[in-house]
Structure formats: C-alpha cells, structure tokens
Protein backbone atom coordinates (compact mmCIF):
# COMPACT_ATOMS: atom_id res chain seq x y z
CA MET A 1 -21.82 -3.13 7.60
CA SER A 2 -21.92 -2.60 11.48
CA GLU A 3 -22.87 1.68 12.08
CA MET A 4 -19.15 2.00 13.57
CA ARG A 5 -17.52 1.31 9.84
CA ASN A 6 -20.40 3.35 8.58
CA ASP A 7 -19.15 6.28 10.62
CA LEU A 8 -15.73 5.59 9.94
CA LEU A 9 -16.23 5.32 6.25
CA ARG A 10 -18.19 8.84 6.07
CA THR A 11 -15.44 10.04 8.28
CA VAL A 12 -13.08 9.26 5.34
CA ASP A 13 -14.59 10.47 2.60
CA ARG A 14 -14.86 13.44 4.33
CA ILE A 15 -12.10 14.51 4.81
CA PHE A 16 -10.64 13.34 1.29
CA ASP A 17 -13.73 15.20 0.02
CA GLU A 18 -12.19 18.42 2.00
CA HIS A 19 -8.91 17.79 1.49
CA CYS A 20 -8.36 16.13 -1.54
CA PRO A 21 -9.42 17.71 -4.73
CA LYS A 22 -8.10 17.44 -7.93
CA ALA A 23 -5.55 20.39 -7.12
CA ALA A 24 -4.52 18.83 -4.38
CA ARG A 25 -3.59 15.75 -6.08
CA GLU A 26 -1.62 17.95 -9.13
CA SER A 27 0.32 19.55 -6.43
CA ALA A 28 1.42 17.18 -4.99
CA GLU A 29 2.37 15.01 -7.81
CA ALA A 30 4.60 18.21 -8.21
CA GLY A 31 6.16 17.88 -5.48
CA GLU A 32 4.77 19.68 -2.58
CA TRP A 33 3.27 17.99 0.69
CA PRO A 34 0.22 17.58 1.33
CA ASP A 35 -0.31 19.10 4.80
CA ALA A 36 -3.43 19.94 5.29
CA LEU A 37 -4.60 16.68 4.48
CA TRP A 38 -1.73 15.01 6.56
CA ARG A 39 -2.57 16.96 9.21
CA ALA A 40 -6.55 16.51 8.80
CA LEU A 41 -5.96 12.27 9.00
CA GLU A 42 -3.78 13.11 11.89
CA GLU A 43 -6.28 15.14 14.09
CA VAL A 44 -9.00 11.82 13.51
CA GLY A 45 -5.75 9.01 14.36
CA LEU A 46 -5.89 7.55 11.11
CA ASP A 47 -2.14 7.78 10.50
CA ARG A 48 -1.98 5.25 14.28
CA ALA A 49 -4.97 3.23 12.94
CA ALA A 50 -3.23 0.18 12.69
CA LEU A 51 -1.28 0.66 15.73
CA PRO A 52 -2.52 -1.44 19.01
CA GLU A 53 -3.97 1.09 21.79
CA GLU A 54 -1.32 0.25 23.85
CA ALA A 55 1.23 1.54 21.14
CA GLY A 56 -0.99 4.76 21.03
CA GLY A 57 -3.09 2.98 18.53
CA SER A 58 -6.76 5.10 18.17
CA GLY A 59 -8.64 1.93 19.09
CA LEU A 60 -9.84 0.60 15.57
CA ASP A 61 -9.53 -3.01 14.73
CA PHE A 62 -6.80 -3.94 12.23
CA GLU A 63 -9.49 -4.91 9.41
CA ASP A 64 -10.84 -1.00 10.10
CA ALA A 65 -7.55 0.09 10.00
CA MET A 66 -7.66 -1.48 6.31
CA LEU A 67 -10.72 -0.28 5.33
CA ALA A 68 -9.58 3.44 6.03
CA LEU A 69 -6.47 2.53 3.95
CA ARG A 70 -8.08 1.06 0.84
CA ARG A 71 -10.50 3.97 1.16
CA SER A 72 -7.75 6.68 1.13
CA ALA A 73 -6.76 4.25 -2.35
CA TYR A 74 -10.15 4.99 -3.77
CA HIS A 75 -9.75 8.38 -3.51
CA GLY A 76 -5.97 8.74 -4.98
CA ALA A 77 -5.14 9.97 -1.80
CA PRO A 78 -1.19 11.66 -2.45
CA VAL A 79 -0.18 10.45 1.30
CA PRO A 80 2.37 7.81 2.45
CA LEU A 81 -0.54 7.02 4.95
CA ALA A 82 -0.06 2.76 4.19
CA GLU A 83 3.86 3.83 4.38
CA THR A 84 3.37 5.30 8.20
CA MET A 85 0.96 1.83 9.48
CA LEU A 86 3.17 -0.34 7.99
CA ALA A 87 6.29 1.57 9.82
CA GLY A 88 4.23 1.82 13.19
CA ARG A 89 3.21 -1.58 13.40
CA LEU A 90 6.75 -3.03 12.91
CA LEU A 91 8.24 -0.47 15.45
CA ALA A 92 5.20 -1.95 17.93
CA ALA A 93 6.27 -5.47 17.04
CA ALA A 94 9.82 -4.54 17.86
CA GLY A 95 8.42 -2.36 21.07
CA LEU A 96 9.46 0.61 20.48
CA ALA A 97 7.86 4.29 20.53
CA VAL A 98 6.32 5.55 17.43
CA PRO A 99 7.01 9.06 16.69
CA GLN A 100 4.22 11.58 15.51
CA GLY A 101 4.84 12.35 12.03
CA ALA A 102 4.38 10.55 8.74
CA LEU A 103 6.87 7.85 8.28
CA THR A 104 8.41 5.56 5.37
CA VAL A 105 10.23 2.09 5.44
CA ALA A 106 13.41 0.70 3.91
CA PRO A 107 14.71 -1.42 2.18
CA VAL A 108 11.48 -1.78 -0.33
CA GLN A 109 13.79 -3.65 -3.30
CA THR A 110 14.57 -7.07 -1.87
CA SER A 111 17.90 -6.48 -4.12
CA ASP A 112 19.19 -3.99 -1.27
CA ARG A 113 20.40 -4.75 1.97
CA LEU A 114 21.28 -1.85 4.82
CA ARG A 115 23.82 -3.01 7.61
CA PHE A 116 23.68 -2.22 11.16
CA VAL A 117 26.90 -1.74 13.25
CA GLN A 118 26.41 -2.47 16.85
CA GLY A 119 29.45 -0.13 18.68
CA ALA A 120 29.94 2.89 21.12
CA PRO A 121 28.54 5.23 21.45
CA ALA A 122 25.88 4.55 19.39
CA THR A 123 24.56 1.63 16.82
CA THR A 124 24.46 2.40 13.47
CA LEU A 125 23.25 2.11 10.00
CA SER A 126 24.80 1.96 6.69
CA GLY A 127 23.85 1.00 2.68
CA THR A 128 22.02 2.17 0.20
CA ALA A 129 18.15 1.82 -0.47
CA HIS A 130 16.21 2.13 -3.36
CA ARG A 131 13.15 3.81 -3.64
CA VAL A 132 12.01 4.33 -0.59
CA PRO A 133 8.47 5.51 -0.89
CA TRP A 134 8.20 9.42 0.19
CA GLY A 135 11.58 8.86 1.84
CA ASN A 136 12.22 12.79 1.06
CA LEU A 137 9.07 13.82 2.74
CA CYS A 138 9.16 11.81 5.65
CA ALA A 139 11.59 13.18 8.80
CA HIS A 140 12.12 9.32 9.74
CA ALA A 141 12.17 5.91 8.14
CA VAL A 142 11.62 2.30 9.84
CA VAL A 143 14.59 0.20 8.28
CA ALA A 144 14.95 -3.81 8.94
CA GLY A 145 17.51 -5.30 8.45
CA GLU A 146 19.79 -8.23 10.53
CA LEU A 147 22.64 -7.74 13.42
CA ASP A 148 24.62 -10.66 14.14
CA GLY A 149 22.47 -12.66 12.63
CA LYS A 150 19.16 -11.86 14.00
CA GLY A 151 16.67 -9.79 12.90
CA MET A 152 16.42 -6.28 13.66
CA VAL A 153 14.21 -3.13 13.49
CA GLY A 154 15.57 0.63 13.56
CA LEU A 155 14.36 4.31 13.54
CA VAL A 156 16.08 6.20 11.68
CA SER A 157 16.33 10.33 10.68
CA THR A 158 16.49 10.72 6.88
CA SER A 159 17.81 14.18 7.16
CA GLY A 160 20.87 14.85 4.65
CA ALA A 161 20.26 10.70 3.33
CA ALA A 162 18.27 11.39 0.42
CA ARG A 163 20.31 11.66 -2.93
CA ALA A 164 18.37 11.54 -5.33
CA VAL A 165 14.70 11.63 -6.18
CA ASP A 166 12.37 9.82 -8.68
CA LYS A 167 8.73 9.26 -9.35
CA ASN A 168 6.78 5.98 -9.29
CA LEU A 169 3.86 5.99 -12.60
CA ALA A 170 1.49 7.70 -9.96
CA GLY A 171 3.25 10.84 -9.24
CA GLU A 172 4.35 9.72 -5.73
CA PRO A 173 8.00 10.28 -4.89
CA ARG A 174 10.73 7.49 -4.81
CA ALA A 175 13.95 7.80 -2.93
CA LEU A 176 17.28 6.69 -3.06
CA LEU A 177 18.44 6.87 0.72
CA GLU A 178 22.11 6.66 1.94
CA PHE A 179 23.69 5.97 5.00
CA ASP A 180 26.69 6.36 6.27
CA ALA A 181 27.45 5.33 9.77
CA THR A 182 23.95 7.03 10.69
CA PRO A 183 23.31 6.58 14.46
CA LEU A 184 20.04 5.11 14.98
CA ILE A 185 17.41 6.90 17.15
CA ALA A 186 15.96 3.63 18.95
CA PHE A 187 16.60 -0.31 17.42
CA ALA A 188 15.18 -3.61 19.02
CA PRO A 189 15.31 -7.68 17.50
CA LEU A 190 12.72 -8.37 15.78
CA LYS A 191 12.15 -11.78 14.63
CA ASP A 192 12.75 -12.13 10.34
CA ALA A 193 12.24 -8.13 10.29
CA LEU A 194 12.99 -8.05 6.76
CA ALA A 195 10.48 -10.93 5.81
CA ARG A 196 7.38 -8.80 7.48
CA LEU A 197 8.72 -5.81 6.12
CA GLU A 198 8.27 -7.69 2.35
CA ALA A 199 4.75 -9.44 3.62
CA GLU A 200 3.05 -6.42 5.21
CA GLY A 201 3.99 -4.03 3.00
CA ALA A 202 2.52 -6.26 -0.47
CA LEU A 203 -0.38 -6.71 2.14
CA TYR A 204 -0.80 -2.98 2.10
CA ARG A 205 -0.45 -2.58 -1.41
CA SER A 206 -2.68 -5.42 -2.33
CA VAL A 207 -5.39 -3.47 -0.17
CA GLN A 208 -4.84 -0.28 -1.97
CA MET A 209 -4.84 -1.67 -5.42
CA ALA A 210 -8.81 -3.50 -4.51
CA GLY A 211 -9.44 0.61 -3.46
CA ALA A 212 -8.30 1.55 -6.75
CA LEU A 213 -10.25 -0.81 -8.68
CA GLU A 214 -13.19 -0.48 -7.06
CA ARG A 215 -12.48 3.71 -8.04
CA ALA A 216 -11.80 2.42 -11.82
CA LEU A 217 -14.63 0.41 -11.79
CA GLU A 218 -17.13 3.08 -10.30
CA TYR A 219 -15.77 5.40 -13.03
CA SER A 220 -16.36 2.97 -15.70
CA LEU A 221 -19.88 2.23 -14.65
CA GLN A 222 -20.90 5.92 -15.06
CA TYR A 223 -19.21 6.88 -18.13
CA ALA A 224 -20.59 3.96 -20.17
CA ASN A 225 -24.28 5.08 -18.92
CA GLU A 226 -23.52 8.55 -19.61
CA ARG A 227 -21.60 8.15 -23.00
CA VAL A 228 -24.01 8.43 -26.02
CA GLN A 229 -23.06 6.95 -29.06
CA PHE A 230 -25.15 5.98 -32.10
CA GLY A 231 -27.80 7.13 -30.26
CA ARG A 232 -27.59 5.40 -27.53
CA PRO A 233 -25.59 5.32 -23.94
CA ILE A 234 -22.42 3.24 -24.70
CA ALA A 235 -24.02 0.98 -21.79
CA LYS A 236 -26.31 -0.77 -23.80
CA PHE A 237 -23.96 -1.99 -26.02
CA GLN A 238 -23.21 -5.97 -25.43
CA ALA A 239 -19.49 -5.58 -25.79
CA ILE A 240 -19.05 -3.01 -23.36
CA GLN A 241 -21.74 -4.45 -21.28
CA HIS A 242 -19.27 -7.61 -21.27
CA MET A 243 -16.27 -6.02 -20.49
CA LEU A 244 -17.84 -4.20 -17.47
CA ALA A 245 -18.67 -7.70 -16.34
CA VAL A 246 -14.84 -9.02 -16.76
CA LEU A 247 -13.60 -5.54 -14.56
CA ALA A 248 -16.46 -6.33 -11.79
CA GLY A 249 -15.33 -9.62 -11.57
CA GLN A 250 -11.69 -8.42 -11.15
CA ALA A 251 -12.86 -5.77 -8.54
CA ALA A 252 -14.64 -8.55 -6.73
CA ALA A 253 -11.96 -11.02 -6.33
CA SER A 254 -9.46 -8.13 -5.55
CA SER A 255 -11.64 -7.09 -2.67
CA ALA A 256 -12.23 -10.75 -1.49
CA ALA A 257 -8.46 -11.61 -1.67
CA ALA A 258 -7.56 -8.74 -0.06
CA ASP A 259 -10.37 -8.75 2.60
CA ALA A 260 -8.99 -12.80 3.50
CA ALA A 261 -5.25 -11.46 3.59
CA VAL A 262 -6.20 -9.18 6.45
CA GLU A 263 -8.45 -11.33 7.97
CA ALA A 264 -5.69 -13.94 8.73
CA SER A 265 -3.22 -10.63 9.15
CA ARG A 266 -4.34 -9.08 12.37
CA LEU A 267 -0.99 -9.51 14.38
CA VAL A 268 1.55 -10.18 11.91
CA PRO A 269 1.44 -10.87 8.28
CA GLU A 270 0.49 -14.79 7.08
CA GLU A 271 2.74 -15.43 4.18
CA PHE A 272 -0.21 -17.84 2.06
CA SER A 273 -2.87 -15.53 2.60
CA VAL A 274 -0.33 -12.57 1.55
CA SER A 275 0.71 -14.51 -1.31
CA VAL A 276 -2.58 -15.12 -3.00
CA ALA A 277 -3.88 -11.39 -2.48
CA LYS A 278 -0.49 -9.94 -3.74
CA SER A 279 -0.49 -12.17 -7.02
CA ARG A 280 -4.52 -12.19 -7.81
CA VAL A 281 -5.07 -8.65 -7.08
CA GLY A 282 -1.88 -7.38 -9.01
CA GLU A 283 -3.23 -9.50 -12.02
CA ALA A 284 -6.46 -7.42 -11.11
CA ALA A 285 -4.66 -4.74 -11.74
CA GLY A 286 -3.80 -4.93 -15.06
CA LYS A 287 -6.69 -6.51 -16.85
CA GLY A 288 -9.13 -3.97 -14.56
CA ALA A 289 -6.63 -1.01 -15.94
CA GLU A 290 -6.74 -2.04 -19.47
CA ILE A 291 -10.37 -2.45 -19.51
CA ALA A 292 -11.35 0.91 -17.73
CA HIS A 293 -9.50 2.74 -20.44
CA GLN A 294 -11.23 0.50 -23.05
CA VAL A 295 -14.27 1.92 -21.45
CA HIS A 296 -13.50 5.28 -22.11
CA GLY A 297 -11.57 5.32 -25.10
CA ALA A 298 -9.30 8.47 -25.83
CA MET A 299 -11.01 10.42 -22.77
CA GLY A 300 -9.58 7.59 -20.67
CA TYR A 301 -5.98 9.16 -21.25
CA THR A 302 -6.33 12.74 -20.80
CA ARG A 303 -5.44 14.54 -17.69
CA GLU A 304 -9.04 15.99 -17.50
CA HIS A 305 -10.15 13.27 -16.64
CA ASN A 306 -9.69 11.43 -12.86
CA LEU A 307 -9.51 7.82 -14.39
CA HIS A 308 -5.55 8.12 -14.20
CA TYR A 309 -5.49 8.69 -10.62
CA SER A 310 -6.79 4.95 -10.12
CA THR A 311 -5.01 3.19 -12.73
CA ARG A 312 -1.38 4.83 -12.84
CA ARG A 313 -1.35 3.59 -9.01
CA LEU A 314 -2.89 0.17 -9.97
CA TRP A 315 0.35 0.45 -12.82
CA SER A 316 2.47 1.35 -9.79
CA TRP A 317 1.74 -0.53 -6.67
CA ARG A 318 1.76 -4.27 -8.38
CA ASP A 319 5.53 -3.76 -8.66
CA GLU A 320 5.81 -2.95 -5.37
CA PHE A 321 7.01 -5.13 -2.58
CA GLY A 322 7.05 -7.47 -4.94
CA ASN A 323 4.83 -8.15 -8.48
CA GLU A 324 2.08 -11.43 -9.12
CA SER A 325 5.29 -13.10 -10.37
CA TYR A 326 7.33 -12.82 -7.56
CA TRP A 327 4.48 -13.71 -4.71
CA GLN A 328 3.38 -16.54 -7.26
CA SER A 329 7.01 -18.39 -6.94
CA ARG A 330 6.53 -17.68 -3.43
CA LEU A 331 3.85 -19.91 -3.27
CA GLY A 332 4.53 -22.20 -5.35
CA ARG A 333 7.79 -23.06 -3.55
CA ALA A 334 6.15 -23.14 -0.27
CA VAL A 335 3.08 -25.69 -1.41
CA ALA A 336 6.29 -27.51 -3.34
CA ALA A 337 7.90 -28.09 -0.47
CA ASN A 338 5.41 -29.38 1.37
CA GLY A 339 4.48 -32.22 -1.03
CA ALA A 340 1.49 -33.00 -3.23
CA ASP A 341 -0.51 -34.61 0.08
CA ALA A 342 -0.97 -31.54 2.02
CA LEU A 343 -2.15 -29.29 -0.22
CA TRP A 344 -5.76 -30.15 -0.19
CA PRO A 345 -5.54 -30.36 3.41
CA MET A 346 -4.02 -26.96 3.81
CA LEU A 347 -7.08 -25.64 1.67
CA SER A 348 -9.86 -26.86 3.27
CA ARG A 349 -9.17 -25.66 6.74
CA ARG A 350 -8.94 -22.05 5.13
C-alpha cells in the first residue's frame, strides 16, 4: 500500500476514533444528527472524495475514495457518506454543481418512479420515494428519472417532503418522501440515469459490506482468542478454527469482488463487475454475520458488545439497491443474451 493511502487511512481512522464512539452511534440511532462527525469529514474533504477535481473533488483517485468509504463502514459510522458520494457523482456526471452538505438519492426501490414535468416557470418533480436513506436529515436529494423518454438527473429540496420515517436494522433512517409539483433546483440530462443510480448504489453498498465484514472478522478473532472455555481459548478448538477460516474466506472474497468492481467503475459503474460484487458480497454478508454470531455465542447478541454495529449493517445493506438474487438474475440474463460461446472469452478478458 502506498504512503498516500496509509496517510488516508490514518486520517480516516483518527476521525472515527475521535468522533464515532459508541455514544455517538447510539445517539444517531435515536435520531440525532452526528454533527461533529460530519463536520470532521467535511473538513478533510471526504464528503467530496469521489468527485473529480473539476467538480470540487478533493483530488483523490476513485479507488482511494472507496477505500475511505469502506473504512467508514468498518467503523460503523452513522453518516450518509455513501449517499453523498453517490449523489455528487450523479450531479457531476450531468454537469451540475454539487451543493454543500449531506445529500441523499432517490428513488432507491426499483418499483418507485419519480416524474419530471417540464413547464413554466420551472420544471417540477412529482411522485413518492420509499425508504430514502437519511431522507429526513439531508437538506437535498439527487433524483433520477426520465423526461420525454430521456434519462434525467435533478436536485431537489427535501424540506417538507418527509411523510414518515422508518429505520433499517442498523438503525439508519429510511424516509418516505412525497413530491407534488416540487420545483427542481437544477436538472440536466444523463444517459440511463436510473440504471446508473441503481448500479452505483449497489457498488457503494458492496464496498461498505466488505468493510463491515472485515470488522466482524476482527471482532471474532479477538473474542475467540480471549474467551476461555475448558481451560483454553476457544480459538484452540478445531470447530472454532474452521468457522473462523470460513469467515476469513468470505471476507477475502468480498474484498476481492468489491475491489474489482471499483477498479472497473472509475468513471461509470461497470454492470458486470457490479453485479458480481453485489451478488458475492451479499452472500458473504449473510454467511459471515451468521458465523460471527456463532463464534461470539450469547455475547454477540447483546448491545454491550460492538459486533452488532457491523452485522446489523450487513443485514440491512445486502437488501438495498438490489439483493444478491436480483443481481444474479441480471447477471444471468446478460450472459444468456450474449450466448454460450461468448461467456468464456468475456471472462478471460477480465
């Protein structure tokens, strides 16, 4: 790893060590905005890390931005960093200015459709978006849809749009936003805007789950070496060693799949790699969380232990922007459409 990346990781770890203690995570789950943590991220430019420099980015490569995002998930950070990065990338791709502050994106569910209506004096947005991440706490949302059959991206205020607020298993807010002829602050065409939102969202969730799995593995290794049963650490028992080896394999596979998708998606999300990553990491999230809790036994199910900050995020994120079954189906249809003879040449080129 380069010295620059080491410096980046040290900076990210320092911020989360200082501003993301257990009390901050608990307060966020109770509905309080983690202001100190978010301001610390903004001060070093991590909220704009995925943007190109000409769009106001901090000068990091996309891989480094995703490394910072992965580390935020490793620490269980209760902030919409992924959503802000994603929203900013969509705006930049459409040539629109990226506003300051935390951002969210909509729609998140494939069944939702938001309507752009062109008129005078303004183009407006109408429709309902379900389970919008942090939609009640972000001042602006970046929305994707169609106008006259063409992909479109718009920036809209969320003020007064939240009709209900739920939470995912990780305690992160998921809002029901309703728009009724709401004027767009800015909008511009973007080819396949909805598909890009979905694919890039799946990519970011894959990266986050890889970070959470890494943390769950570390917790499990530490606990297995500290927990003594029948006069020796449980890590000395063959059954536990086997479980830890499987968990390590799941974490390694997730890391490889997410890294490959990031490398292929520097400018735009590459659907094949994203499909593989979201499918593989989603499977690992389920298996890995199960093993981590088995290793910890009853201790892993308590609020006192930190394991749940990782596993509850794994269970939540695997279903957002399409679960593994959804992306496996997408992958299968794409391969079938190209024909059997094209499969091996396509794989061998990667």
